[in-house]
Amino acid sequence: MTLNIKMALRATAIAAGLLAASQANAVDWGGYFRSGPGATSTKDTARQCYGLNGAGLKYRLGNECDFYGEFALSQGFKADGVDVKATLMTNLYNGATDTGDAKLGINQMYFQGTGFDIAPNVTFWAGKRFYGRADVHIVDTFFVNLSGVGAGVDDINIGAGKLNIAWFKDDNTSAATTYALNSGTGVLSSTTTSVSMPTNRLNLDLHDIGINPGGKLRVVLTLAHGDFTDGKSGAGLTLQHNQDFGGGFSNTLWVQVAQDAAALNGTAVATKVSGKGFRIVESPAWQMGALGGQAIALYEQDKDANGVKTANMSLGGRVSYGLTKNFKLVGELGLSSTKTDGSDKQTMTKFTFAPTLSTGPDFWTRPELRLYVTAANWNDATKVAQGLTKTSGVSYGAQVEWWF
């Protein structure tokens, strides 16, 4: 807790500096948080959430056991014709609802400027930031997530669209433990050392390409390299198509491939072994009168250096119906599976019903204050893989979710 307090004081000092600078310019305030109590219907069992390991395999409504918030302050002003902005975002996380062991961090701290005379219509930036993210909200997964510590140039007009170029560096320092047996005493000893596996990543993000009425294409290229002994290089490609059909209906489609040091979401992987994967994700969303929702269909296949394949599938959706301006009924159903060569297929089905208070009747309106009941079923392979004692579970609780 001492370290967390020190971090909190430092973050507060930085925030105070931003607020002091706001005498001439307004400070923007925004963020996101979710929190609330929950329980499991079985005695002697802690609060439980249900999902499989893998991107997009956990449906989040009434199924989040953590306590999380992120809060951003940004200060923008004009200096000799250049528009500049500094952003600081802190976050608070705990895997359970007890904040006593919460971890405080800084997940964004960066500078950006637009209007420099060498290229007045583009934006230059450097620092630690969320970048190029695109998600499916109901599974809390960013299928494109270029975030990290880096620097870049955004919105270069190339005619067909706009190009972002960014370079990221990750030190990837971790602990490694080795064991040795003393032949004389027969005592096994261990030694823990710090292992550095830094990676470099270059992202080219070509976006806003109009290819059909109401449709825009985005192309993200990732070039990654492990800057350490025997570190792999790799490349990845994402095609993202956003379609607005009108009438409150839209759709996003991702087709992604990656190999070795490049990850499917556009980041880099510190690795000494080969691997490759591909993923296709379809996610429609709609708001037609009182009825709103979002759905997902996903298939992903990964292959390791030995040719062992893992296939993930997910199909589900969340719907809301506004009974009044401030009261809606929300339900979510998700079916997920994962199968690795040589092992049994794991499956899970999860359903949640949540009467919800909100400031508006639409699907995306926040804040939401929910009461929920969640039921899940899984097979024996999932039971064994996750160390569970049963093949079903029920949980219930209340949650607030708000982005602002």
Protein backbone atom coordinates (compact mmCIF):
# COMPACT_ATOMS: atom_id res chain seq x y z
CA MET A 1 0.00 0.00 0.00
CA THR A 2 2.94 2.39 0.62
CA LEU A 3 3.91 2.28 -3.06
CA ASN A 4 0.32 2.85 -4.12
CA ILE A 5 0.05 5.89 -1.83
CA LYS A 6 3.24 7.36 -3.25
CA MET A 7 1.95 6.82 -6.79
CA ALA A 8 -1.35 8.45 -5.85
CA LEU A 9 0.46 11.49 -4.43
CA ARG A 10 2.55 11.83 -7.57
CA ALA A 11 -0.49 11.54 -9.81
CA THR A 12 -2.28 14.12 -7.68
CA ALA A 13 0.68 16.50 -7.99
CA ILE A 14 0.64 16.16 -11.76
CA ALA A 15 -3.10 16.69 -11.85
CA ALA A 16 -2.73 19.77 -9.65
CA GLY A 17 -0.20 21.15 -12.12
CA LEU A 18 -2.66 20.68 -14.93
CA LEU A 19 -5.41 22.35 -12.92
CA ALA A 20 -3.14 25.28 -12.09
CA ALA A 21 -2.46 25.74 -15.78
CA SER A 22 -6.19 25.86 -16.42
CA GLN A 23 -6.53 29.46 -15.24
CA ALA A 24 -6.31 30.56 -18.87
CA ASN A 25 -7.62 27.38 -20.52
CA ALA A 26 -10.26 24.84 -19.52
CA VAL A 27 -9.18 21.37 -18.42
CA ASP A 28 -11.09 18.48 -20.03
CA TRP A 29 -12.14 15.70 -17.69
CA GLY A 30 -13.26 12.24 -18.76
CA GLY A 31 -13.01 8.58 -18.01
CA TYR A 32 -14.71 5.26 -17.36
CA PHE A 33 -15.49 3.10 -14.36
CA ARG A 34 -17.40 0.02 -13.30
CA SER A 35 -18.07 -1.20 -9.78
CA GLY A 36 -20.60 -3.01 -7.65
CA PRO A 37 -21.27 -5.92 -5.29
CA GLY A 38 -21.89 -9.46 -6.43
CA ALA A 39 -22.28 -12.97 -5.07
CA THR A 40 -22.58 -16.59 -6.15
CA SER A 41 -25.61 -18.69 -5.20
CA THR A 42 -23.52 -21.60 -3.84
CA LYS A 43 -22.44 -21.48 -0.20
CA ASP A 44 -18.72 -21.36 0.62
CA THR A 45 -18.02 -20.02 -2.88
CA ALA A 46 -16.58 -16.59 -3.61
CA ARG A 47 -18.03 -14.35 -6.28
CA GLN A 48 -17.59 -16.08 -9.62
CA CYS A 49 -17.44 -14.98 -13.24
CA TYR A 50 -17.64 -17.21 -16.29
CA GLY A 51 -15.57 -17.27 -19.46
CA LEU A 52 -12.99 -19.15 -21.52
CA ASN A 53 -9.40 -18.10 -22.18
CA GLY A 54 -9.07 -16.21 -25.44
CA ALA A 55 -10.03 -12.95 -27.12
CA GLY A 56 -13.80 -12.46 -27.28
CA LEU A 57 -14.65 -15.58 -25.26
CA LYS A 58 -16.11 -13.87 -22.18
CA TYR A 59 -19.42 -11.97 -22.30
CA ARG A 60 -19.24 -9.14 -19.80
CA LEU A 61 -22.79 -8.16 -18.76
CA GLY A 62 -23.30 -9.26 -15.14
CA ASN A 63 -20.01 -11.13 -15.49
CA GLU A 64 -17.29 -8.76 -14.28
CA CYS A 65 -15.80 -9.56 -10.90
CA ASP A 66 -13.31 -6.70 -10.91
CA PHE A 67 -13.30 -3.09 -9.76
CA TYR A 68 -11.92 -0.76 -12.42
CA GLY A 69 -11.76 2.95 -13.22
CA GLU A 70 -9.73 5.24 -15.46
CA PHE A 71 -9.79 9.02 -15.18
CA ALA A 72 -8.22 11.47 -17.61
CA LEU A 73 -7.28 15.13 -17.44
CA SER A 74 -6.22 16.89 -20.63
CA GLN A 75 -5.02 20.48 -21.08
CA GLY A 76 -5.06 22.06 -24.51
CA PHE A 77 -3.88 25.50 -25.57
CA LYS A 78 -2.51 27.39 -28.56
CA ALA A 79 1.17 28.41 -28.65
CA ASP A 80 2.25 30.68 -31.53
CA GLY A 81 -0.32 29.17 -33.85
CA VAL A 82 0.26 25.55 -32.83
CA ASP A 83 -2.53 23.63 -31.06
CA VAL A 84 -0.96 21.50 -28.33
CA LYS A 85 -2.43 19.22 -25.69
CA ALA A 86 -1.12 17.20 -22.73
CA THR A 87 -3.09 14.22 -21.43
CA LEU A 88 -2.77 12.32 -18.15
CA MET A 89 -4.90 9.27 -17.32
CA THR A 90 -4.69 7.32 -14.06
CA ASN A 91 -6.37 3.99 -13.43
CA LEU A 92 -7.42 1.96 -10.42
CA TYR A 93 -7.83 -1.82 -10.61
CA ASN A 94 -8.68 -4.68 -8.31
CA GLY A 95 -9.57 -8.20 -9.38
CA ALA A 96 -12.23 -8.28 -6.67
CA THR A 97 -14.55 -5.69 -5.13
CA ASP A 98 -12.34 -4.94 -2.11
CA THR A 99 -10.37 -1.79 -2.90
CA GLY A 100 -7.89 -2.42 -0.09
CA ASP A 101 -5.51 -4.22 -2.45
CA ALA A 102 -6.19 -2.05 -5.48
CA LYS A 103 -3.38 -1.13 -7.84
CA LEU A 104 -3.00 2.44 -9.02
CA GLY A 105 -1.31 3.12 -12.33
CA ILE A 106 -0.86 5.65 -15.09
CA ASN A 107 -2.07 4.26 -18.40
CA GLN A 108 -1.76 7.44 -20.47
CA MET A 109 0.66 10.36 -20.38
CA TYR A 110 1.42 11.97 -23.72
CA PHE A 111 1.75 15.17 -25.74
CA GLN A 112 0.32 16.01 -29.13
CA GLY A 113 0.48 19.05 -31.37
CA THR A 114 -1.12 20.17 -34.63
CA GLY A 115 -0.18 23.13 -36.81
CA PHE A 116 3.61 22.94 -36.99
CA ASP A 117 4.78 24.87 -40.05
CA ILE A 118 6.55 21.90 -41.66
CA ALA A 119 3.23 19.99 -41.86
CA PRO A 120 0.36 22.15 -40.58
CA ASN A 121 -2.43 19.63 -41.21
CA VAL A 122 -1.00 16.62 -39.39
CA THR A 123 -0.67 15.77 -35.69
CA PHE A 124 2.63 14.86 -34.03
CA TRP A 125 2.65 13.03 -30.68
CA ALA A 126 4.88 11.18 -28.21
CA GLY A 127 4.36 9.39 -24.90
CA LYS A 128 2.30 6.57 -23.43
CA ARG A 129 -1.22 6.36 -24.79
CA PHE A 130 -4.24 4.41 -25.95
CA TYR A 131 -3.94 4.33 -29.71
CA GLY A 132 -5.84 3.02 -32.70
CA ARG A 133 -8.26 0.96 -30.62
CA ALA A 134 -11.38 -0.75 -32.01
CA ASP A 135 -13.47 -3.08 -29.87
CA VAL A 136 -16.63 -5.11 -29.43
CA HIS A 137 -18.06 -3.77 -26.20
CA ILE A 138 -20.10 -6.79 -25.11
CA VAL A 139 -16.98 -9.00 -24.88
CA ASP A 140 -14.68 -6.17 -23.65
CA THR A 141 -12.12 -6.98 -26.36
CA PHE A 142 -10.12 -4.56 -28.51
CA PHE A 143 -9.53 -6.47 -31.71
CA VAL A 144 -7.24 -3.63 -32.79
CA ASN A 145 -5.18 -2.09 -30.00
CA LEU A 146 -1.97 -0.28 -30.97
CA SER A 147 -1.50 1.27 -27.52
CA GLY A 148 1.89 1.62 -25.87
CA VAL A 149 4.87 3.92 -25.38
CA GLY A 150 5.76 5.48 -28.69
CA ALA A 151 5.72 8.43 -31.04
CA GLY A 152 3.97 9.11 -34.30
CA VAL A 153 2.42 11.28 -36.96
CA ASP A 154 -1.33 11.14 -37.58
CA ASP A 155 -3.74 12.09 -40.36
CA ILE A 156 -1.36 12.38 -43.30
CA ASN A 157 -3.64 12.99 -46.28
CA ILE A 158 -2.72 10.61 -49.11
CA GLY A 159 -5.80 11.14 -51.26
CA ALA A 160 -7.53 7.76 -50.87
CA GLY A 161 -7.57 8.18 -47.09
CA LYS A 162 -5.45 9.28 -44.15
CA LEU A 163 -2.30 7.60 -42.87
CA ASN A 164 -1.02 7.28 -39.29
CA ILE A 165 2.59 6.21 -38.74
CA ALA A 166 3.73 5.23 -35.24
CA TRP A 167 6.75 3.56 -33.63
CA PHE A 168 6.50 1.77 -30.27
CA LYS A 169 9.14 0.33 -27.97
CA ASP A 170 8.47 -2.18 -25.19
CA ASP A 171 11.25 -3.22 -22.81
CA ASN A 172 9.46 -6.45 -21.75
CA THR A 173 11.48 -6.96 -18.58
CA SER A 174 10.47 -10.02 -16.58
CA ALA A 175 11.84 -12.38 -13.95
CA ALA A 176 13.24 -15.78 -14.89
CA THR A 177 14.05 -18.53 -12.36
CA THR A 178 16.63 -21.27 -12.91
CA TYR A 179 17.17 -24.32 -10.69
CA ALA A 180 20.36 -26.26 -9.90
CA LEU A 181 20.97 -29.40 -7.85
CA ASN A 182 24.07 -29.44 -5.64
CA SER A 183 25.60 -32.88 -6.27
CA GLY A 184 27.40 -32.83 -2.93
CA THR A 185 24.53 -31.89 -0.63
CA GLY A 186 21.57 -32.91 -2.77
CA VAL A 187 19.97 -29.51 -2.13
CA LEU A 188 17.99 -27.89 -4.94
CA SER A 189 18.67 -24.15 -5.18
CA SER A 190 17.03 -21.48 -7.33
CA THR A 191 18.26 -18.24 -8.84
CA THR A 192 15.97 -15.48 -10.10
CA THR A 193 17.31 -12.99 -12.62
CA SER A 194 15.84 -10.14 -14.60
CA VAL A 195 15.38 -10.97 -18.28
CA SER A 196 15.05 -8.19 -20.85
CA MET A 197 13.31 -9.00 -24.14
CA PRO A 198 12.72 -5.58 -25.77
CA THR A 199 10.64 -5.29 -28.91
CA ASN A 200 10.29 -2.66 -31.61
CA ARG A 201 7.03 -2.14 -33.47
CA LEU A 202 6.07 -0.03 -36.48
CA ASN A 203 2.38 0.51 -37.24
CA LEU A 204 1.03 1.92 -40.49
CA ASP A 205 -2.68 2.71 -40.16
CA LEU A 206 -4.46 3.75 -43.37
CA HIS A 207 -8.02 4.73 -42.56
CA ASP A 208 -11.13 6.56 -43.81
CA ILE A 209 -10.97 4.86 -47.21
CA GLY A 210 -14.40 5.23 -48.79
CA ILE A 211 -15.00 2.07 -50.81
CA ASN A 212 -18.81 1.87 -50.95
CA PRO A 213 -21.81 4.01 -49.97
CA GLY A 214 -21.82 4.22 -46.17
CA GLY A 215 -18.74 2.01 -45.91
CA LYS A 216 -15.14 2.80 -44.97
CA LEU A 217 -12.09 0.56 -45.00
CA ARG A 218 -9.17 0.61 -42.59
CA VAL A 219 -5.86 -1.18 -43.23
CA VAL A 220 -3.38 -1.69 -40.38
CA LEU A 221 0.09 -3.08 -41.03
CA THR A 222 2.29 -4.20 -38.12
CA LEU A 223 6.05 -4.80 -38.44
CA ALA A 224 7.61 -6.12 -35.24
CA HIS A 225 11.06 -7.27 -34.14
CA GLY A 226 12.42 -8.79 -30.95
CA ASP A 227 15.55 -6.79 -30.14
CA PHE A 228 17.22 -9.58 -28.14
CA THR A 229 19.23 -12.74 -28.81
CA ASP A 230 17.25 -15.11 -31.05
CA GLY A 231 14.33 -12.65 -31.04
CA LYS A 232 11.86 -13.17 -33.87
CA SER A 233 10.64 -10.63 -36.40
CA GLY A 234 7.05 -10.69 -37.59
CA ALA A 235 4.30 -8.99 -39.55
CA GLY A 236 0.57 -8.61 -39.19
CA LEU A 237 -2.28 -7.22 -41.29
CA THR A 238 -5.77 -6.10 -40.30
CA LEU A 239 -8.60 -5.18 -42.65
CA GLN A 240 -11.44 -3.41 -40.84
CA HIS A 241 -14.65 -2.45 -42.65
CA ASN A 242 -17.20 -0.17 -40.98
CA GLN A 243 -20.62 -0.01 -42.61
CA ASP A 244 -23.43 2.41 -41.77
CA PHE A 245 -26.66 1.06 -43.24
CA GLY A 246 -28.75 3.94 -41.94
CA GLY A 247 -31.84 3.60 -39.78
CA GLY A 248 -29.74 2.97 -36.69
CA PHE A 249 -28.05 -0.18 -38.05
CA SER A 250 -24.29 -0.61 -38.52
CA ASN A 251 -21.71 -3.36 -38.82
CA THR A 252 -17.98 -3.83 -38.29
CA LEU A 253 -15.97 -6.63 -39.90
CA TRP A 254 -12.35 -7.52 -39.08
CA VAL A 255 -10.13 -9.91 -41.05
CA GLN A 256 -6.71 -10.33 -39.39
CA VAL A 257 -3.52 -12.33 -39.95
CA ALA A 258 -0.22 -12.25 -38.02
CA GLN A 259 2.92 -14.29 -37.54
CA ASP A 260 5.86 -14.63 -35.14
CA ALA A 261 6.56 -11.34 -33.31
CA ALA A 262 3.37 -9.63 -34.51
CA ALA A 263 0.08 -10.13 -32.64
CA LEU A 264 -3.36 -10.21 -34.26
CA ASN A 265 -4.42 -7.00 -32.50
CA GLY A 266 -1.49 -5.02 -33.97
CA THR A 267 0.93 -5.15 -31.04
CA ALA A 268 4.26 -6.98 -30.72
CA VAL A 269 5.07 -10.27 -28.95
CA ALA A 270 8.44 -10.94 -27.29
CA THR A 271 9.17 -14.42 -28.62
CA LYS A 272 11.96 -16.72 -29.73
CA VAL A 273 9.67 -19.23 -31.44
CA SER A 274 7.53 -19.13 -34.57
CA GLY A 275 3.76 -18.94 -34.66
CA LYS A 276 0.95 -17.61 -36.76
CA GLY A 277 -2.76 -16.99 -36.62
CA PHE A 278 -5.78 -15.55 -38.32
CA ARG A 279 -9.09 -14.18 -37.08
CA ILE A 280 -12.40 -13.03 -38.53
CA VAL A 281 -14.91 -11.05 -36.46
CA GLU A 282 -18.35 -9.78 -37.44
CA SER A 283 -20.15 -7.34 -35.12
CA PRO A 284 -23.49 -5.71 -35.99
CA ALA A 285 -25.08 -3.03 -33.80
CA TRP A 286 -28.51 -1.44 -33.94
CA GLN A 287 -30.93 1.01 -32.35
CA MET A 288 -34.41 0.80 -33.83
CA GLY A 289 -36.87 2.66 -31.66
CA ALA A 290 -36.80 1.19 -28.17
CA LEU A 291 -34.84 -1.89 -29.25
CA GLY A 292 -31.05 -1.69 -29.30
CA GLY A 293 -28.19 -4.14 -29.22
CA GLN A 294 -24.85 -5.49 -30.34
CA ALA A 295 -23.80 -8.97 -31.47
CA ILE A 296 -20.63 -10.84 -32.37
CA ALA A 297 -19.57 -13.85 -34.42
CA LEU A 298 -15.88 -14.81 -34.11
CA TYR A 299 -13.54 -17.50 -35.39
CA GLU A 300 -9.82 -17.55 -34.60
CA GLN A 301 -7.13 -20.12 -35.32
CA ASP A 302 -3.57 -20.03 -33.96
CA LYS A 303 -0.68 -22.38 -34.74
CA ASP A 304 2.46 -22.67 -32.64
CA ALA A 305 6.02 -23.57 -33.68
CA ASN A 306 5.21 -27.30 -33.48
CA GLY A 307 2.17 -27.00 -35.72
CA VAL A 308 -0.30 -27.43 -32.84
CA LYS A 309 -3.52 -25.56 -33.62
CA THR A 310 -5.95 -23.84 -31.28
CA ALA A 311 -9.37 -22.85 -32.64
CA ASN A 312 -11.66 -20.39 -30.82
CA MET A 313 -15.29 -19.63 -31.64
CA SER A 314 -17.77 -17.20 -30.14
CA LEU A 315 -21.37 -16.32 -30.98
CA GLY A 316 -23.66 -14.09 -28.95
CA GLY A 317 -25.30 -10.75 -28.39
CA ARG A 318 -26.80 -8.24 -25.98
CA VAL A 319 -30.18 -6.55 -26.45
CA SER A 320 -31.87 -3.73 -24.57
CA TYR A 321 -35.46 -2.53 -24.63
CA GLY A 322 -36.39 0.88 -23.25
CA LEU A 323 -39.65 0.56 -21.35
CA THR A 324 -39.47 4.21 -20.24
CA LYS A 325 -36.98 7.03 -20.66
CA ASN A 326 -34.97 5.85 -17.65
CA PHE A 327 -35.76 2.14 -17.34
CA LYS A 328 -34.78 -0.63 -19.73
CA LEU A 329 -34.52 -4.38 -19.73
CA VAL A 330 -31.18 -5.79 -20.86
CA GLY A 331 -30.31 -9.39 -21.71
CA GLU A 332 -27.18 -11.10 -22.99
CA LEU A 333 -26.52 -14.61 -24.33
CA GLY A 334 -23.10 -15.91 -25.34
CA LEU A 335 -21.77 -19.27 -26.54
CA SER A 336 -17.99 -19.82 -26.63
CA SER A 337 -15.62 -22.70 -27.34
CA THR A 338 -11.90 -23.38 -27.59
CA LYS A 339 -10.13 -26.51 -28.89
CA THR A 340 -6.40 -27.28 -28.96
CA ASP A 341 -5.05 -30.24 -30.90
CA GLY A 342 -4.65 -33.22 -28.59
CA SER A 343 -7.10 -31.99 -25.95
CA ASP A 344 -10.86 -31.97 -25.46
CA LYS A 345 -13.00 -29.09 -26.67
CA GLN A 346 -13.99 -26.62 -23.96
CA THR A 347 -17.44 -24.97 -24.18
CA MET A 348 -19.39 -22.41 -22.18
CA THR A 349 -22.87 -20.88 -22.41
CA LYS A 350 -23.67 -17.76 -20.40
CA PHE A 351 -26.97 -15.84 -19.99
CA THR A 352 -27.67 -12.62 -18.06
CA PHE A 353 -30.88 -10.71 -17.37
CA ALA A 354 -30.48 -7.16 -16.02
CA PRO A 355 -33.23 -4.62 -15.22
CA THR A 356 -31.43 -1.31 -15.69
CA LEU A 357 -31.76 2.35 -14.74
CA SER A 358 -30.17 4.85 -17.11
CA THR A 359 -30.26 8.50 -18.14
CA GLY A 360 -31.77 7.47 -21.48
CA PRO A 361 -33.49 4.47 -23.11
CA ASP A 362 -30.92 3.66 -25.84
CA PHE A 363 -28.43 0.78 -25.82
CA TRP A 364 -25.33 3.01 -25.60
CA THR A 365 -26.64 5.50 -23.03
CA ARG A 366 -24.53 5.63 -19.88
CA PRO A 367 -24.41 5.69 -16.89
CA GLU A 368 -26.28 2.44 -16.28
CA LEU A 369 -27.19 1.08 -12.84
CA ARG A 370 -28.04 -2.61 -13.17
CA LEU A 371 -29.42 -5.41 -11.07
CA TYR A 372 -28.48 -8.71 -12.68
CA VAL A 373 -28.73 -12.47 -12.52
CA THR A 374 -26.23 -14.53 -14.53
CA ALA A 375 -26.39 -18.27 -15.24
CA ALA A 376 -23.68 -20.27 -16.98
CA ASN A 377 -23.10 -23.87 -18.06
CA TRP A 378 -19.87 -25.50 -19.21
CA ASN A 379 -18.69 -28.98 -20.12
CA ASP A 380 -16.35 -31.38 -18.32
CA ALA A 381 -13.32 -30.25 -20.34
CA THR A 382 -13.83 -26.68 -19.11
CA LYS A 383 -14.36 -27.94 -15.57
CA VAL A 384 -11.00 -29.73 -15.62
CA ALA A 385 -9.11 -26.90 -17.37
CA GLN A 386 -10.32 -24.26 -14.89
CA GLY A 387 -10.17 -26.43 -11.78
CA LEU A 388 -13.89 -26.14 -11.08
CA THR A 389 -16.04 -28.52 -9.05
CA LYS A 390 -19.29 -28.20 -11.02
CA THR A 391 -20.47 -27.65 -14.60
CA SER A 392 -22.87 -24.78 -13.90
CA GLY A 393 -23.14 -21.66 -11.81
CA VAL A 394 -25.40 -18.75 -10.93
CA SER A 395 -24.33 -15.31 -9.73
CA TYR A 396 -26.16 -12.09 -8.99
CA GLY A 397 -25.46 -8.52 -7.99
CA ALA A 398 -25.56 -4.85 -8.88
CA GLN A 399 -23.22 -2.80 -11.07
CA VAL A 400 -22.72 0.73 -12.24
CA GLU A 401 -21.00 1.40 -15.57
CA TRP A 402 -20.25 4.88 -16.83
CA TRP A 403 -18.09 6.50 -19.45
CA PHE A 404 -17.91 10.26 -19.55
